[in-house]
Amino acid sequence: MKASANVLKALLRTKVKLPYLLYLPEGRRGGAKRKSPLLLFLHGAGERGNDLEQVKVHGPPKLIEKEGREFPFIVVAPQCPADDWWKPEPLVALLDDLMGRHAVDPERVYVTGLSMGGYGTWALAGTCPERLAAVVPICGPFAWLRFKQLGRLPVWCFHGAMDEAVPVSESIRMVRFLRAAGGNARFTVYPDAGHDAWTETYANAELYAWLLKQRRDRR
């Protein structure tokens, strides 16, 4: 059944500069304090602006709003301003705010994004890998990182082999650099897919099962 308006909420906090959509798992909607994993979703360049309806076009927000999909995560989907790119600092501020307002399991904070959001996922992982349990960048452009700093952070990267917007070589370079630095990178290439590597990825139940198995490495 379709998700109700009370499930996917639009929020703008004074301490956080990014407006965002918030989804709470079924067991949390009555105000339960049991800690839940958190999934941060970063949209692509086409969904930038000041209309949160745009954020529901792809990914988990689409599955929740359009298909009534239930998730075991708190799902947070901010919107990037028009003519801007994802930057780690406001995303870290958003995570800080959310963890102060909701019962988030700090050992299970996950980040995923598509295209420009794939770049944002890499960038956030490079900024605060110690706070994350796993990241899932999808068809994102290459991002210069201190790859050794990511340590053994679990990464599952996706890309379409026929992508003309962001060539698959961008993800190949990221995965090679990460693995060369001793990182933990899983890589899936869809041989017949173009830039849309996200629809199949986010429809795959295996992705969410894999995420839930990952916990923050405190070493």
N, C-alpha and C. Protein backbone atom coordinates (compact mmCIF):
# COMPACT_ATOMS: atom_id res chain seq x y z
N MET A 1 0.85 -1.18 0.00
CA MET A 1 0.00 0.00 0.00
C MET A 1 0.89 1.24 0.00
N LYS A 2 0.33 2.35 -0.42
CA LYS A 2 1.10 3.58 -0.52
C LYS A 2 1.42 4.12 0.86
N ALA A 3 2.64 4.63 1.03
CA ALA A 3 3.03 5.21 2.31
C ALA A 3 2.17 6.42 2.62
N SER A 4 1.78 6.58 3.86
CA SER A 4 0.94 7.72 4.24
C SER A 4 1.78 8.98 4.34
N ALA A 5 1.10 10.13 4.36
CA ALA A 5 1.81 11.41 4.45
C ALA A 5 2.54 11.54 5.77
N ASN A 6 2.14 10.76 6.77
CA ASN A 6 2.78 10.84 8.08
C ASN A 6 4.06 10.03 8.15
N VAL A 7 4.33 9.24 7.12
CA VAL A 7 5.50 8.39 7.14
C VAL A 7 6.72 9.10 6.59
N LEU A 8 6.57 9.76 5.46
CA LEU A 8 7.68 10.48 4.83
C LEU A 8 7.44 11.96 5.05
N LYS A 9 8.18 12.55 5.98
CA LYS A 9 7.94 13.93 6.38
C LYS A 9 9.00 14.87 5.83
N ALA A 10 8.59 16.08 5.52
CA ALA A 10 9.51 17.12 5.06
C ALA A 10 9.88 18.01 6.24
N LEU A 11 11.16 18.21 6.46
CA LEU A 11 11.61 18.95 7.63
C LEU A 11 12.70 19.95 7.27
N LEU A 12 12.72 21.06 8.00
CA LEU A 12 13.81 22.03 7.88
C LEU A 12 14.11 22.53 9.29
N ARG A 13 15.27 22.17 9.80
CA ARG A 13 15.67 22.54 11.16
C ARG A 13 16.52 23.81 11.13
N THR A 14 16.41 24.62 12.17
CA THR A 14 17.14 25.88 12.18
C THR A 14 18.65 25.69 12.21
N LYS A 15 19.12 24.62 12.85
CA LYS A 15 20.55 24.39 12.93
C LYS A 15 21.10 23.69 11.70
N VAL A 16 20.22 23.19 10.87
CA VAL A 16 20.62 22.46 9.68
C VAL A 16 20.19 23.25 8.46
N LYS A 17 21.10 23.48 7.54
CA LYS A 17 20.82 24.33 6.39
C LYS A 17 20.11 23.58 5.27
N LEU A 18 20.08 22.26 5.34
CA LEU A 18 19.47 21.48 4.26
C LEU A 18 18.06 21.03 4.64
N PRO A 19 17.08 21.30 3.79
CA PRO A 19 15.76 20.70 4.01
C PRO A 19 15.86 19.21 3.71
N TYR A 20 15.03 18.40 4.34
CA TYR A 20 15.16 16.96 4.11
C TYR A 20 13.85 16.23 4.35
N LEU A 21 13.77 15.05 3.77
CA LEU A 21 12.67 14.13 4.01
C LEU A 21 13.12 13.14 5.08
N LEU A 22 12.19 12.76 5.94
CA LEU A 22 12.50 11.84 7.02
C LEU A 22 11.48 10.71 7.05
N TYR A 23 11.98 9.50 7.08
CA TYR A 23 11.14 8.31 7.19
C TYR A 23 11.53 7.56 8.44
N LEU A 24 10.54 7.19 9.26
CA LEU A 24 10.78 6.40 10.46
C LEU A 24 10.23 5.00 10.26
N PRO A 25 10.98 3.97 10.65
CA PRO A 25 10.48 2.60 10.52
C PRO A 25 9.18 2.42 11.31
N GLU A 26 8.41 1.43 10.92
CA GLU A 26 7.09 1.22 11.51
C GLU A 26 7.13 1.17 13.04
N GLY A 27 8.10 0.47 13.60
CA GLY A 27 8.17 0.34 15.05
C GLY A 27 8.51 1.62 15.78
N ARG A 28 8.97 2.67 15.03
CA ARG A 28 9.37 3.92 15.64
C ARG A 28 8.30 5.00 15.57
N ARG A 29 7.21 4.75 14.84
CA ARG A 29 6.25 5.82 14.60
C ARG A 29 5.42 6.18 15.81
N GLY A 30 5.42 5.30 16.80
CA GLY A 30 4.68 5.61 18.02
C GLY A 30 5.56 6.26 19.06
N GLY A 31 6.78 6.63 18.68
CA GLY A 31 7.68 7.30 19.62
C GLY A 31 8.60 6.36 20.36
N ALA A 32 8.68 5.10 19.92
CA ALA A 32 9.55 4.13 20.59
C ALA A 32 11.00 4.62 20.56
N LYS A 33 11.72 4.30 21.62
CA LYS A 33 13.09 4.78 21.76
C LYS A 33 14.14 3.73 21.38
N ARG A 34 13.72 2.58 20.88
CA ARG A 34 14.68 1.58 20.45
C ARG A 34 15.54 2.17 19.34
N LYS A 35 16.84 1.99 19.45
CA LYS A 35 17.75 2.58 18.48
C LYS A 35 17.64 1.87 17.13
N SER A 36 17.61 2.66 16.07
CA SER A 36 17.46 2.14 14.72
C SER A 36 18.65 2.52 13.86
N PRO A 37 18.99 1.69 12.87
CA PRO A 37 20.02 2.10 11.90
C PRO A 37 19.51 3.27 11.09
N LEU A 38 20.43 4.06 10.54
CA LEU A 38 20.08 5.23 9.75
C LEU A 38 20.69 5.12 8.36
N LEU A 39 19.88 5.41 7.34
CA LEU A 39 20.34 5.42 5.96
C LEU A 39 20.19 6.83 5.41
N LEU A 40 21.31 7.45 5.06
CA LEU A 40 21.33 8.78 4.46
C LEU A 40 21.39 8.62 2.95
N PHE A 41 20.40 9.19 2.25
CA PHE A 41 20.33 9.10 0.80
C PHE A 41 20.62 10.46 0.17
N LEU A 42 21.54 10.47 -0.80
CA LEU A 42 21.92 11.69 -1.50
C LEU A 42 21.51 11.60 -2.97
N HIS A 43 20.63 12.50 -3.39
CA HIS A 43 20.10 12.49 -4.75
C HIS A 43 21.12 12.99 -5.77
N GLY A 44 20.75 12.96 -7.04
CA GLY A 44 21.61 13.42 -8.12
C GLY A 44 21.39 14.88 -8.47
N ALA A 45 22.11 15.37 -9.47
CA ALA A 45 22.09 16.79 -9.83
C ALA A 45 20.71 17.26 -10.28
N GLY A 46 19.94 16.38 -10.88
CA GLY A 46 18.64 16.78 -11.41
C GLY A 46 17.60 17.07 -10.36
N GLU A 47 17.86 16.70 -9.11
CA GLU A 47 16.87 16.89 -8.05
C GLU A 47 17.23 18.04 -7.11
N ARG A 48 18.22 18.85 -7.49
CA ARG A 48 18.58 20.00 -6.66
C ARG A 48 17.48 21.06 -6.70
N GLY A 49 17.50 21.96 -5.71
CA GLY A 49 16.54 23.06 -5.71
C GLY A 49 15.90 23.28 -4.36
N ASN A 50 14.64 23.71 -4.38
CA ASN A 50 13.93 23.99 -3.12
C ASN A 50 12.54 23.34 -3.10
N ASP A 51 12.38 22.27 -3.85
CA ASP A 51 11.12 21.53 -3.88
C ASP A 51 11.42 20.08 -3.48
N LEU A 52 11.06 19.71 -2.26
CA LEU A 52 11.38 18.38 -1.77
C LEU A 52 10.66 17.26 -2.52
N GLU A 53 9.63 17.61 -3.28
CA GLU A 53 8.99 16.58 -4.09
C GLU A 53 9.98 15.99 -5.09
N GLN A 54 10.95 16.79 -5.52
CA GLN A 54 11.95 16.31 -6.46
C GLN A 54 12.79 15.18 -5.89
N VAL A 55 12.98 15.19 -4.57
CA VAL A 55 13.81 14.18 -3.92
C VAL A 55 13.16 12.80 -3.97
N LYS A 56 11.86 12.77 -4.24
CA LYS A 56 11.12 11.51 -4.29
C LYS A 56 11.16 10.84 -5.66
N VAL A 57 11.94 11.39 -6.58
CA VAL A 57 11.97 10.88 -7.95
C VAL A 57 12.71 9.55 -8.05
N HIS A 58 13.76 9.36 -7.24
CA HIS A 58 14.58 8.15 -7.32
C HIS A 58 14.88 7.62 -5.92
N GLY A 59 15.42 6.41 -5.90
CA GLY A 59 15.97 5.86 -4.67
C GLY A 59 14.97 5.50 -3.61
N PRO A 60 15.43 5.34 -2.37
CA PRO A 60 14.53 4.98 -1.26
C PRO A 60 13.32 5.91 -1.10
N PRO A 61 13.47 7.26 -1.26
CA PRO A 61 12.27 8.10 -1.13
C PRO A 61 11.18 7.73 -2.13
N LYS A 62 11.58 7.38 -3.36
CA LYS A 62 10.60 6.95 -4.36
C LYS A 62 9.94 5.65 -3.93
N LEU A 63 10.73 4.70 -3.46
CA LEU A 63 10.19 3.42 -3.05
C LEU A 63 9.21 3.57 -1.89
N ILE A 64 9.51 4.48 -0.98
CA ILE A 64 8.64 4.72 0.18
C ILE A 64 7.35 5.42 -0.26
N GLU A 65 7.49 6.51 -1.00
CA GLU A 65 6.35 7.35 -1.33
C GLU A 65 5.47 6.75 -2.44
N LYS A 66 6.11 6.23 -3.47
CA LYS A 66 5.36 5.78 -4.64
C LYS A 66 4.95 4.31 -4.56
N GLU A 67 5.74 3.50 -3.86
CA GLU A 67 5.48 2.07 -3.85
C GLU A 67 5.13 1.53 -2.47
N GLY A 68 5.13 2.39 -1.46
CA GLY A 68 4.77 1.94 -0.11
C GLY A 68 5.77 1.00 0.52
N ARG A 69 7.02 1.09 0.11
CA ARG A 69 8.06 0.19 0.62
C ARG A 69 8.35 0.49 2.09
N GLU A 70 8.47 -0.55 2.89
CA GLU A 70 8.85 -0.41 4.29
C GLU A 70 10.34 -0.71 4.43
N PHE A 71 11.03 0.08 5.26
CA PHE A 71 12.45 -0.13 5.50
C PHE A 71 12.71 -0.27 7.00
N PRO A 72 13.74 -1.03 7.36
CA PRO A 72 14.11 -1.16 8.77
C PRO A 72 15.02 -0.05 9.25
N PHE A 73 15.25 0.97 8.38
CA PHE A 73 16.12 2.10 8.70
C PHE A 73 15.30 3.36 8.96
N ILE A 74 15.88 4.28 9.71
CA ILE A 74 15.48 5.68 9.58
C ILE A 74 16.10 6.14 8.26
N VAL A 75 15.28 6.64 7.35
CA VAL A 75 15.80 7.10 6.05
C VAL A 75 15.74 8.62 6.01
N VAL A 76 16.87 9.24 5.71
CA VAL A 76 16.98 10.70 5.64
C VAL A 76 17.43 11.07 4.24
N ALA A 77 16.67 11.98 3.61
CA ALA A 77 16.98 12.38 2.24
C ALA A 77 16.99 13.90 2.14
N PRO A 78 18.15 14.52 2.30
CA PRO A 78 18.23 15.99 2.19
C PRO A 78 18.19 16.43 0.73
N GLN A 79 17.98 17.74 0.53
CA GLN A 79 18.01 18.30 -0.82
C GLN A 79 19.14 19.30 -0.94
N CYS A 80 19.95 19.12 -1.96
CA CYS A 80 21.06 20.03 -2.24
C CYS A 80 20.53 21.29 -2.91
N PRO A 81 21.03 22.47 -2.54
CA PRO A 81 20.57 23.71 -3.20
C PRO A 81 20.87 23.71 -4.69
N ALA A 82 20.10 24.48 -5.43
CA ALA A 82 20.31 24.60 -6.87
C ALA A 82 21.72 25.12 -7.16
N ASP A 83 22.32 24.63 -8.23
CA ASP A 83 23.64 25.08 -8.69
C ASP A 83 24.75 24.82 -7.67
N ASP A 84 24.53 23.86 -6.77
CA ASP A 84 25.55 23.51 -5.79
C ASP A 84 25.82 22.01 -5.89
N TRP A 85 26.85 21.55 -5.16
CA TRP A 85 27.17 20.13 -5.09
C TRP A 85 27.16 19.71 -3.63
N TRP A 86 27.05 18.41 -3.41
CA TRP A 86 27.10 17.92 -2.03
C TRP A 86 28.46 18.22 -1.41
N LYS A 87 28.41 18.79 -0.21
CA LYS A 87 29.63 19.06 0.56
C LYS A 87 29.52 18.34 1.90
N PRO A 88 30.62 17.80 2.40
CA PRO A 88 30.56 17.02 3.64
C PRO A 88 30.09 17.81 4.85
N GLU A 89 30.49 19.08 4.97
CA GLU A 89 30.21 19.81 6.21
C GLU A 89 28.72 19.89 6.56
N PRO A 90 27.83 20.33 5.66
CA PRO A 90 26.41 20.36 6.01
C PRO A 90 25.82 18.98 6.23
N LEU A 91 26.38 17.96 5.58
CA LEU A 91 25.89 16.60 5.80
C LEU A 91 26.28 16.09 7.18
N VAL A 92 27.49 16.43 7.63
CA VAL A 92 27.90 16.07 8.99
C VAL A 92 27.02 16.78 10.01
N ALA A 93 26.71 18.07 9.76
CA ALA A 93 25.82 18.81 10.66
C ALA A 93 24.44 18.17 10.70
N LEU A 94 23.96 17.69 9.57
CA LEU A 94 22.67 17.02 9.52
C LEU A 94 22.70 15.73 10.33
N LEU A 95 23.74 14.94 10.18
CA LEU A 95 23.86 13.71 10.97
C LEU A 95 23.91 14.02 12.46
N ASP A 96 24.67 15.04 12.84
CA ASP A 96 24.74 15.42 14.26
C ASP A 96 23.36 15.78 14.80
N ASP A 97 22.61 16.55 14.03
CA ASP A 97 21.28 16.97 14.46
C ASP A 97 20.34 15.79 14.58
N LEU A 98 20.36 14.90 13.61
CA LEU A 98 19.48 13.75 13.62
C LEU A 98 19.78 12.82 14.79
N MET A 99 21.05 12.65 15.07
CA MET A 99 21.42 11.75 16.17
C MET A 99 21.11 12.36 17.52
N GLY A 100 20.95 13.68 17.56
CA GLY A 100 20.52 14.33 18.79
C GLY A 100 19.02 14.31 18.98
N ARG A 101 18.27 14.13 17.89
CA ARG A 101 16.81 14.18 17.95
C ARG A 101 16.15 12.81 17.93
N HIS A 102 16.85 11.82 17.40
CA HIS A 102 16.26 10.50 17.22
C HIS A 102 17.16 9.43 17.83
N ALA A 103 16.55 8.29 18.13
CA ALA A 103 17.29 7.16 18.70
C ALA A 103 17.97 6.40 17.56
N VAL A 104 19.13 6.91 17.15
CA VAL A 104 19.90 6.33 16.06
C VAL A 104 20.98 5.43 16.63
N ASP A 105 21.13 4.25 16.06
CA ASP A 105 22.22 3.36 16.44
C ASP A 105 23.52 3.89 15.84
N PRO A 106 24.43 4.42 16.63
CA PRO A 106 25.66 5.01 16.08
C PRO A 106 26.58 3.99 15.42
N GLU A 107 26.34 2.71 15.67
CA GLU A 107 27.16 1.67 15.05
C GLU A 107 26.67 1.31 13.65
N ARG A 108 25.48 1.84 13.26
CA ARG A 108 24.91 1.45 11.97
C ARG A 108 24.36 2.68 11.24
N VAL A 109 25.28 3.54 10.83
CA VAL A 109 24.94 4.71 10.02
C VAL A 109 25.49 4.46 8.62
N TYR A 110 24.60 4.46 7.64
CA TYR A 110 24.96 4.13 6.26
C TYR A 110 24.68 5.32 5.34
N VAL A 111 25.46 5.43 4.26
CA VAL A 111 25.28 6.51 3.29
C VAL A 111 25.26 5.92 1.89
N THR A 112 24.32 6.40 1.08
CA THR A 112 24.25 6.00 -0.31
C THR A 112 23.81 7.19 -1.15
N GLY A 113 24.17 7.18 -2.42
CA GLY A 113 23.77 8.26 -3.32
C GLY A 113 24.02 7.89 -4.75
N LEU A 114 23.35 8.60 -5.64
CA LEU A 114 23.46 8.30 -7.06
C LEU A 114 24.00 9.50 -7.84
N SER A 115 24.86 9.23 -8.82
CA SER A 115 25.44 10.25 -9.68
C SER A 115 26.13 11.33 -8.82
N MET A 116 25.65 12.57 -8.82
CA MET A 116 26.22 13.58 -7.94
C MET A 116 26.17 13.11 -6.49
N GLY A 117 25.13 12.38 -6.14
CA GLY A 117 25.03 11.82 -4.79
C GLY A 117 26.03 10.71 -4.54
N GLY A 118 26.46 10.02 -5.63
CA GLY A 118 27.53 9.04 -5.48
C GLY A 118 28.83 9.73 -5.13
N TYR A 119 29.08 10.88 -5.79
CA TYR A 119 30.24 11.69 -5.43
C TYR A 119 30.14 12.14 -3.97
N GLY A 120 28.96 12.60 -3.56
CA GLY A 120 28.77 13.04 -2.18
C GLY A 120 28.99 11.93 -1.18
N THR A 121 28.61 10.71 -1.57
CA THR A 121 28.83 9.55 -0.70
C THR A 121 30.31 9.30 -0.50
N TRP A 122 31.07 9.31 -1.60
CA TRP A 122 32.53 9.16 -1.49
C TRP A 122 33.13 10.27 -0.63
N ALA A 123 32.70 11.52 -0.89
CA ALA A 123 33.28 12.66 -0.18
C ALA A 123 33.00 12.59 1.31
N LEU A 124 31.78 12.20 1.69
CA LEU A 124 31.46 12.10 3.11
C LEU A 124 32.24 10.96 3.76
N ALA A 125 32.39 9.86 3.04
CA ALA A 125 33.17 8.74 3.58
C ALA A 125 34.62 9.15 3.80
N GLY A 126 35.14 9.98 2.91
CA GLY A 126 36.52 10.44 3.07
C GLY A 126 36.70 11.43 4.20
N THR A 127 35.61 12.09 4.60
CA THR A 127 35.67 13.10 5.66
C THR A 127 35.51 12.49 7.05
N CYS A 128 34.57 11.55 7.19
CA CYS A 128 34.32 11.00 8.53
C CYS A 128 34.07 9.50 8.47
N PRO A 129 35.03 8.72 7.96
CA PRO A 129 34.83 7.27 7.85
C PRO A 129 34.60 6.61 9.20
N GLU A 130 35.14 7.21 10.26
CA GLU A 130 35.00 6.60 11.58
C GLU A 130 33.58 6.65 12.11
N ARG A 131 32.71 7.45 11.49
CA ARG A 131 31.33 7.57 11.94
C ARG A 131 30.38 6.67 11.16
N LEU A 132 30.88 6.05 10.10
CA LEU A 132 30.01 5.31 9.20
C LEU A 132 30.25 3.81 9.30
N ALA A 133 29.19 3.05 9.01
CA ALA A 133 29.29 1.58 9.02
C ALA A 133 29.47 1.02 7.63
N ALA A 134 28.97 1.73 6.59
CA ALA A 134 29.11 1.29 5.21
C ALA A 134 28.62 2.39 4.29
N VAL A 135 29.12 2.38 3.05
CA VAL A 135 28.66 3.36 2.05
C VAL A 135 28.39 2.66 0.73
N VAL A 136 27.42 3.21 -0.02
CA VAL A 136 27.02 2.63 -1.30
C VAL A 136 26.97 3.74 -2.35
N PRO A 137 28.09 4.06 -2.99
CA PRO A 137 28.09 5.06 -4.07
C PRO A 137 27.65 4.42 -5.38
N ILE A 138 26.75 5.11 -6.11
CA ILE A 138 26.23 4.59 -7.37
C ILE A 138 26.55 5.58 -8.49
N CYS A 139 27.23 5.14 -9.51
CA CYS A 139 27.61 5.90 -10.71
C CYS A 139 28.10 7.32 -10.38
N GLY A 140 28.94 7.44 -9.38
CA GLY A 140 29.44 8.75 -8.99
C GLY A 140 30.75 9.12 -9.68
N PRO A 141 30.99 10.41 -9.89
CA PRO A 141 32.27 10.85 -10.45
C PRO A 141 33.42 10.58 -9.49
N PHE A 142 34.63 10.56 -10.03
CA PHE A 142 35.82 10.34 -9.22
C PHE A 142 35.97 11.45 -8.18
N ALA A 143 36.37 11.06 -6.99
CA ALA A 143 36.59 12.02 -5.90
C ALA A 143 37.95 11.74 -5.28
N TRP A 144 38.80 12.77 -5.23
CA TRP A 144 40.11 12.60 -4.60
C TRP A 144 39.93 12.51 -3.10
N LEU A 145 40.38 11.41 -2.53
CA LEU A 145 40.26 11.16 -1.10
C LEU A 145 41.61 10.71 -0.55
N ARG A 146 41.72 10.76 0.74
CA ARG A 146 42.83 10.09 1.41
C ARG A 146 42.38 8.64 1.62
N PHE A 147 42.66 7.83 0.63
CA PHE A 147 42.07 6.49 0.59
C PHE A 147 42.45 5.63 1.79
N LYS A 148 43.67 5.80 2.29
CA LYS A 148 44.06 5.03 3.47
C LYS A 148 43.22 5.39 4.68
N GLN A 149 42.71 6.62 4.71
CA GLN A 149 41.90 7.07 5.83
C GLN A 149 40.58 6.30 5.92
N LEU A 150 40.11 5.78 4.79
CA LEU A 150 38.87 5.03 4.81
C LEU A 150 39.04 3.68 5.51
N GLY A 151 40.29 3.23 5.62
CA GLY A 151 40.55 1.98 6.32
C GLY A 151 39.77 0.84 5.71
N ARG A 152 39.09 0.08 6.56
CA ARG A 152 38.32 -1.08 6.12
C ARG A 152 36.83 -0.78 6.06
N LEU A 153 36.47 0.48 5.90
CA LEU A 153 35.06 0.84 5.77
C LEU A 153 34.44 0.06 4.61
N PRO A 154 33.38 -0.73 4.87
CA PRO A 154 32.76 -1.49 3.78
C PRO A 154 32.16 -0.57 2.72
N VAL A 155 32.50 -0.83 1.47
CA VAL A 155 32.00 -0.06 0.33
C VAL A 155 31.43 -1.04 -0.68
N TRP A 156 30.23 -0.74 -1.17
CA TRP A 156 29.67 -1.49 -2.29
C TRP A 156 29.34 -0.46 -3.36
N CYS A 157 30.12 -0.47 -4.42
CA CYS A 157 30.00 0.52 -5.49
C CYS A 157 29.29 -0.10 -6.70
N PHE A 158 28.42 0.70 -7.34
CA PHE A 158 27.66 0.24 -8.51
C PHE A 158 27.84 1.21 -9.67
N HIS A 159 27.83 0.66 -10.89
CA HIS A 159 27.94 1.52 -12.07
C HIS A 159 27.45 0.74 -13.29
N GLY A 160 26.94 1.48 -14.29
CA GLY A 160 26.55 0.88 -15.55
C GLY A 160 27.69 0.95 -16.54
N ALA A 161 27.97 -0.16 -17.22
CA ALA A 161 29.10 -0.21 -18.15
C ALA A 161 28.90 0.72 -19.35
N MET A 162 27.63 1.03 -19.68
CA MET A 162 27.34 1.86 -20.85
C MET A 162 27.05 3.31 -20.48
N ASP A 163 27.42 3.71 -19.28
CA ASP A 163 27.13 5.06 -18.79
C ASP A 163 27.90 6.10 -19.61
N GLU A 164 27.17 7.03 -20.24
CA GLU A 164 27.80 8.09 -21.01
C GLU A 164 27.85 9.41 -20.24
N ALA A 165 27.09 9.51 -19.16
CA ALA A 165 27.10 10.73 -18.34
C ALA A 165 28.29 10.74 -17.39
N VAL A 166 28.48 9.64 -16.69
CA VAL A 166 29.63 9.45 -15.80
C VAL A 166 30.24 8.10 -16.18
N PRO A 167 31.31 8.07 -16.95
CA PRO A 167 31.87 6.80 -17.42
C PRO A 167 32.20 5.85 -16.27
N VAL A 168 32.03 4.57 -16.53
CA VAL A 168 32.31 3.56 -15.52
C VAL A 168 33.76 3.62 -15.06
N SER A 169 34.64 4.17 -15.89
CA SER A 169 36.05 4.32 -15.51
C SER A 169 36.22 5.14 -14.24
N GLU A 170 35.26 6.04 -13.95
CA GLU A 170 35.34 6.85 -12.74
C GLU A 170 35.25 5.96 -11.49
N SER A 171 34.30 5.04 -11.48
CA SER A 171 34.16 4.13 -10.35
C SER A 171 35.30 3.11 -10.32
N ILE A 172 35.75 2.68 -11.49
CA ILE A 172 36.87 1.74 -11.54
C ILE A 172 38.09 2.35 -10.87
N ARG A 173 38.37 3.62 -11.16
CA ARG A 173 39.51 4.30 -10.53
C ARG A 173 39.33 4.38 -9.02
N MET A 174 38.13 4.73 -8.57
CA MET A 174 37.88 4.83 -7.13
C MET A 174 38.13 3.49 -6.44
N VAL A 175 37.59 2.43 -7.01
CA VAL A 175 37.74 1.11 -6.40
C VAL A 175 39.19 0.66 -6.42
N ARG A 176 39.90 0.92 -7.50
CA ARG A 176 41.31 0.53 -7.58
C ARG A 176 42.15 1.26 -6.53
N PHE A 177 41.95 2.57 -6.41
CA PHE A 177 42.69 3.34 -5.41
C PHE A 177 42.38 2.83 -4.01
N LEU A 178 41.11 2.57 -3.75
CA LEU A 178 40.71 2.12 -2.42
C LEU A 178 41.30 0.75 -2.10
N ARG A 179 41.22 -0.16 -3.04
CA ARG A 179 41.77 -1.50 -2.80
C ARG A 179 43.28 -1.45 -2.65
N ALA A 180 43.93 -0.60 -3.42
CA ALA A 180 45.39 -0.47 -3.34
C ALA A 180 45.82 0.05 -1.96
N ALA A 181 44.93 0.82 -1.33
CA ALA A 181 45.22 1.36 0.00
C ALA A 181 44.79 0.41 1.11
N GLY A 182 44.38 -0.79 0.73
CA GLY A 182 43.97 -1.79 1.72
C GLY A 182 42.50 -1.71 2.09
N GLY A 183 41.72 -0.97 1.30
CA GLY A 183 40.31 -0.79 1.60
C GLY A 183 39.45 -1.99 1.27
N ASN A 184 38.21 -1.91 1.70
CA ASN A 184 37.26 -3.02 1.58
C ASN A 184 36.18 -2.63 0.58
N ALA A 185 36.41 -2.87 -0.70
CA ALA A 185 35.49 -2.41 -1.74
C ALA A 185 34.91 -3.57 -2.52
N ARG A 186 33.59 -3.60 -2.56
CA ARG A 186 32.85 -4.53 -3.41
C ARG A 186 32.36 -3.73 -4.62
N PHE A 187 32.38 -4.32 -5.81
CA PHE A 187 32.10 -3.55 -7.02
C PHE A 187 31.19 -4.34 -7.95
N THR A 188 30.06 -3.73 -8.32
CA THR A 188 29.12 -4.35 -9.25
C THR A 188 28.96 -3.47 -10.48
N VAL A 189 29.21 -4.03 -11.65
CA VAL A 189 29.01 -3.32 -12.92
C VAL A 189 27.88 -4.01 -13.68
N TYR A 190 26.88 -3.22 -14.07
CA TYR A 190 25.80 -3.75 -14.88
C TYR A 190 26.21 -3.64 -16.35
N PRO A 191 26.42 -4.75 -17.04
CA PRO A 191 27.01 -4.69 -18.38
C PRO A 191 26.16 -3.96 -19.42
N ASP A 192 24.84 -3.95 -19.25
CA ASP A 192 23.97 -3.34 -20.25
C ASP A 192 23.35 -2.02 -19.79
N ALA A 193 23.71 -1.54 -18.61
CA ALA A 193 23.08 -0.34 -18.06
C ALA A 193 23.82 0.92 -18.48
N GLY A 194 23.06 2.01 -18.65
CA GLY A 194 23.63 3.31 -18.88
C GLY A 194 23.81 4.03 -17.56
N HIS A 195 23.44 5.33 -17.54
CA HIS A 195 23.66 6.09 -16.32
C HIS A 195 22.75 5.62 -15.18
N ASP A 196 21.57 5.13 -15.52
CA ASP A 196 20.66 4.65 -14.47
C ASP A 196 21.10 3.29 -13.96
N ALA A 197 22.04 3.34 -13.02
CA ALA A 197 22.45 2.12 -12.32
C ALA A 197 21.74 2.01 -10.99
N TRP A 198 20.90 2.99 -10.68
CA TRP A 198 20.29 3.05 -9.34
C TRP A 198 18.96 2.31 -9.23
N THR A 199 18.18 2.28 -10.29
CA THR A 199 16.86 1.64 -10.16
C THR A 199 17.01 0.17 -9.79
N GLU A 200 17.87 -0.55 -10.49
CA GLU A 200 18.10 -1.96 -10.17
C GLU A 200 18.75 -2.12 -8.81
N THR A 201 19.66 -1.23 -8.48
CA THR A 201 20.36 -1.33 -7.20
C THR A 201 19.41 -1.17 -6.02
N TYR A 202 18.61 -0.11 -6.04
CA TYR A 202 17.74 0.15 -4.90
C TYR A 202 16.55 -0.80 -4.82
N ALA A 203 16.27 -1.52 -5.92
CA ALA A 203 15.20 -2.52 -5.91
C ALA A 203 15.69 -3.87 -5.38
N ASN A 204 16.99 -3.98 -5.17
CA ASN A 204 17.60 -5.26 -4.79
C ASN A 204 17.61 -5.43 -3.27
N ALA A 205 16.84 -6.39 -2.78
CA ALA A 205 16.76 -6.63 -1.33
C ALA A 205 18.10 -7.03 -0.75
N GLU A 206 18.98 -7.62 -1.57
CA GLU A 206 20.30 -8.04 -1.10
C GLU A 206 21.11 -6.85 -0.60
N LEU A 207 20.93 -5.68 -1.22
CA LEU A 207 21.66 -4.49 -0.80
C LEU A 207 21.35 -4.15 0.65
N TYR A 208 20.08 -4.14 1.01
CA TYR A 208 19.68 -3.75 2.36
C TYR A 208 20.07 -4.82 3.39
N ALA A 209 20.00 -6.08 2.99
CA ALA A 209 20.45 -7.15 3.88
C ALA A 209 21.94 -7.02 4.15
N TRP A 210 22.71 -6.67 3.10
CA TRP A 210 24.15 -6.47 3.27
C TRP A 210 24.43 -5.29 4.19
N LEU A 211 23.71 -4.18 3.99
CA LEU A 211 23.91 -3.01 4.84
C LEU A 211 23.69 -3.35 6.30
N LEU A 212 22.61 -4.05 6.60
CA LEU A 212 22.27 -4.33 7.99
C LEU A 212 23.29 -5.24 8.68
N LYS A 213 24.10 -5.93 7.90
CA LYS A 213 25.15 -6.77 8.49
C LYS A 213 26.38 -5.95 8.88
N GLN A 214 26.47 -4.71 8.38
CA GLN A 214 27.68 -3.90 8.59
C GLN A 214 27.54 -3.07 9.86
N ARG A 215 28.58 -3.06 10.64
CA ARG A 215 28.66 -2.24 11.85
C ARG A 215 29.96 -1.45 11.84
N ARG A 216 29.92 -0.32 12.49
CA ARG A 216 31.08 0.57 12.51
C ARG A 216 32.29 -0.13 13.14
N ASP A 217 33.41 -0.02 12.46
CA ASP A 217 34.66 -0.59 12.96
C ASP A 217 35.27 0.42 13.94
N ARG A 218 35.35 0.06 15.22
CA ARG A 218 35.80 1.00 16.24
C ARG A 218 37.29 0.87 16.51
N ARG A 219 37.99 0.07 15.73
CA ARG A 219 39.43 -0.08 15.96
C ARG A 219 40.19 1.18 15.56
